[in-house]
Amino acid sequence: MSDTYKTSLIGSGFAFLLATSCCWLPWVAIGVGGVGLAGFSAGLEKYSGLFMGAGFVFLALGWYQFKKKKSKMKEANIVLISEVTCPECKHKAVEEMPTNACQYFYECENCNVVLKPKEGDCCVFCSYGTVVCPPIQAGDNCCA
């Protein structure tokens, strides 16, 4: 499952920006000296209710998709704790993995070496951890 909820949240943010443009766009237009933008903003004002509605729809869709992904991870018995072993000094540290992003970099607390994923791996947990990252455990593409 891809992170389509992120797209929905971005869409809702854009819709809310358009819906409120009648308030902030004239000030931006005055600030940059473009009076034409103020006229454009006045034209958008009659659609602000539509944009607000679209914003709420996108926001609700994003929230639904996020909750669906979270519940899928719970159902799949996803392990969120992994022991990371530094390849330089062999120091081990138990870390909680993020569920909403890949961790590309990890600084060893013992030798301060910054670890990056090995080629073909999506994150440091897949390369140096005892447990692969949550999206891989769920059978999804990591970072998609």
Protein backbone atom coordinates (compact mmCIF):
# COMPACT_ATOMS: atom_id res chain seq x y z
CA MET A 1 0.00 0.00 0.00
CA SER A 2 1.47 3.33 -0.93
CA ASP A 3 1.24 6.43 1.21
CA THR A 4 -1.71 7.90 -0.69
CA TYR A 5 -2.87 9.55 2.52
CA LYS A 6 0.04 11.97 2.13
CA THR A 7 -1.32 12.99 -1.28
CA SER A 8 -4.77 13.51 0.24
CA LEU A 9 -3.34 15.67 3.00
CA ILE A 10 -1.41 17.76 0.48
CA GLY A 11 -4.58 18.09 -1.63
CA SER A 12 -6.57 19.26 1.39
CA GLY A 13 -3.91 21.81 2.26
CA PHE A 14 -3.98 23.16 -1.29
CA ALA A 15 -7.78 23.33 -1.27
CA PHE A 16 -7.74 25.24 2.03
CA LEU A 17 -5.14 27.64 0.63
CA LEU A 18 -7.38 28.34 -2.35
CA ALA A 19 -10.45 28.67 -0.13
CA THR A 20 -8.80 31.31 2.02
CA SER A 21 -7.02 33.12 -0.82
CA CYS A 22 -9.53 35.96 -0.66
CA CYS A 23 -8.02 36.82 2.73
CA TRP A 24 -4.28 36.53 2.16
CA LEU A 25 -3.74 36.87 -1.60
CA PRO A 26 -4.58 40.61 -1.80
CA TRP A 27 -1.95 41.33 0.85
CA VAL A 28 0.61 39.29 -1.09
CA ALA A 29 -0.39 41.14 -4.27
CA ILE A 30 0.06 44.51 -2.57
CA GLY A 31 3.39 43.37 -1.16
CA VAL A 32 4.77 42.35 -4.56
CA GLY A 33 3.06 45.16 -6.43
CA GLY A 34 0.75 43.00 -8.54
CA VAL A 35 -2.78 44.33 -8.44
CA GLY A 36 -3.88 41.69 -10.99
CA LEU A 37 -3.57 38.96 -8.36
CA ALA A 38 -6.05 40.78 -6.15
CA GLY A 39 -8.63 40.63 -8.95
CA PHE A 40 -7.93 36.93 -9.39
CA SER A 41 -8.44 36.45 -5.66
CA ALA A 42 -11.80 38.24 -5.77
CA GLY A 43 -12.88 35.85 -8.52
CA LEU A 44 -11.96 32.84 -6.37
CA GLU A 45 -13.95 34.14 -3.41
CA LYS A 46 -17.27 32.89 -4.82
CA TYR A 47 -15.79 29.35 -4.91
CA SER A 48 -14.36 29.41 -1.39
CA GLY A 49 -17.15 27.17 -0.03
CA LEU A 50 -16.46 24.63 -2.76
CA PHE A 51 -12.72 24.72 -2.01
CA MET A 52 -13.38 24.35 1.73
CA GLY A 53 -15.62 21.36 1.03
CA ALA A 54 -12.97 19.78 -1.19
CA GLY A 55 -10.42 20.43 1.53
CA PHE A 56 -12.53 18.60 4.10
CA VAL A 57 -13.08 15.70 1.70
CA PHE A 58 -9.33 15.37 1.02
CA LEU A 59 -8.57 15.68 4.74
CA ALA A 60 -11.12 12.98 5.64
CA LEU A 61 -9.81 10.72 2.88
CA GLY A 62 -6.23 11.16 4.07
CA TRP A 63 -7.22 10.44 7.67
CA TYR A 64 -9.13 7.31 6.60
CA GLN A 65 -6.20 6.01 4.55
CA PHE A 66 -3.75 6.74 7.38
CA LYS A 67 -5.91 4.87 9.93
CA LYS A 68 -6.35 1.99 7.48
CA LYS A 69 -2.59 1.70 7.08
CA LYS A 70 -2.05 1.87 10.83
CA SER A 71 -4.63 -0.86 11.48
CA LYS A 72 -3.09 -3.00 8.75
CA MET A 73 0.24 -2.78 10.57
CA LYS A 74 -1.42 -3.82 13.85
CA GLU A 75 -3.13 -6.78 12.17
CA ALA A 76 0.13 -7.93 10.62
CA ASN A 77 1.81 -8.03 14.07
CA ILE A 78 4.43 -5.52 13.04
CA VAL A 79 7.46 -5.37 15.31
CA LEU A 80 8.57 -1.79 15.94
CA ILE A 81 11.73 -2.52 17.96
CA SER A 82 14.99 -3.42 16.25
CA GLU A 83 18.54 -3.75 17.53
CA VAL A 84 20.90 -1.79 15.30
CA THR A 85 24.52 -3.00 15.14
CA CYS A 86 27.18 -0.55 13.99
CA PRO A 87 29.43 -2.21 11.39
CA GLU A 88 32.38 -0.05 12.49
CA CYS A 89 32.53 -0.60 16.26
CA LYS A 90 29.95 -3.41 16.67
CA HIS A 91 28.02 -1.32 19.21
CA LYS A 92 24.39 -2.43 19.55
CA ALA A 93 21.48 -0.15 20.34
CA VAL A 94 17.78 -0.98 20.66
CA GLU A 95 15.70 1.53 18.69
CA GLU A 96 12.02 2.06 17.91
CA MET A 97 11.38 2.21 14.17
CA PRO A 98 9.18 4.94 12.68
CA THR A 99 5.96 3.77 11.06
CA ASN A 100 5.46 6.78 8.80
CA ALA A 101 8.91 7.25 7.24
CA CYS A 102 12.12 5.46 6.37
CA GLN A 103 15.19 6.18 8.41
CA TYR A 104 18.01 6.75 5.93
CA PHE A 105 20.63 7.85 8.44
CA TYR A 106 21.55 6.63 11.89
CA GLU A 107 24.39 7.94 14.03
CA CYS A 108 26.09 5.34 16.21
CA GLU A 109 26.01 6.60 19.78
CA ASN A 110 29.35 4.92 20.50
CA CYS A 111 31.65 5.91 17.60
CA ASN A 112 29.49 8.65 15.97
CA VAL A 113 29.71 7.04 12.52
CA VAL A 114 26.66 7.90 10.42
CA LEU A 115 25.18 4.74 8.91
CA LYS A 116 23.37 4.74 5.58
CA PRO A 117 21.40 1.85 4.05
CA LYS A 118 23.34 -0.72 2.07
CA GLU A 119 22.66 -0.79 -1.67
CA GLY A 120 19.30 -2.42 -2.31
CA ASP A 121 17.98 -1.70 1.19
CA CYS A 122 15.50 1.07 1.91
CA CYS A 123 16.62 2.06 5.39
CA VAL A 124 19.21 1.51 8.12
CA PHE A 125 16.97 -0.98 9.93
CA CYS A 126 16.85 -3.23 6.86
CA SER A 127 20.65 -3.03 6.60
CA TYR A 128 21.86 -3.08 10.20
CA GLY A 129 18.86 -4.02 12.36
CA THR A 130 17.67 -7.33 13.74
CA VAL A 131 14.18 -6.59 12.39
CA VAL A 132 13.38 -5.04 8.99
CA CYS A 133 11.31 -1.83 8.80
CA PRO A 134 7.50 -1.88 9.28
CA PRO A 135 6.51 -1.43 5.59
CA ILE A 136 8.69 -4.38 4.56
CA GLN A 137 7.23 -6.48 7.38
CA ALA A 138 3.74 -5.61 6.13
CA GLY A 139 4.67 -6.69 2.60
CA ASP A 140 4.57 -3.16 1.19
CA ASN A 141 7.13 -1.21 -0.75
CA CYS A 142 9.15 0.81 1.67
CA CYS A 143 9.12 4.58 1.12
CA ALA A 144 6.50 4.36 -1.62
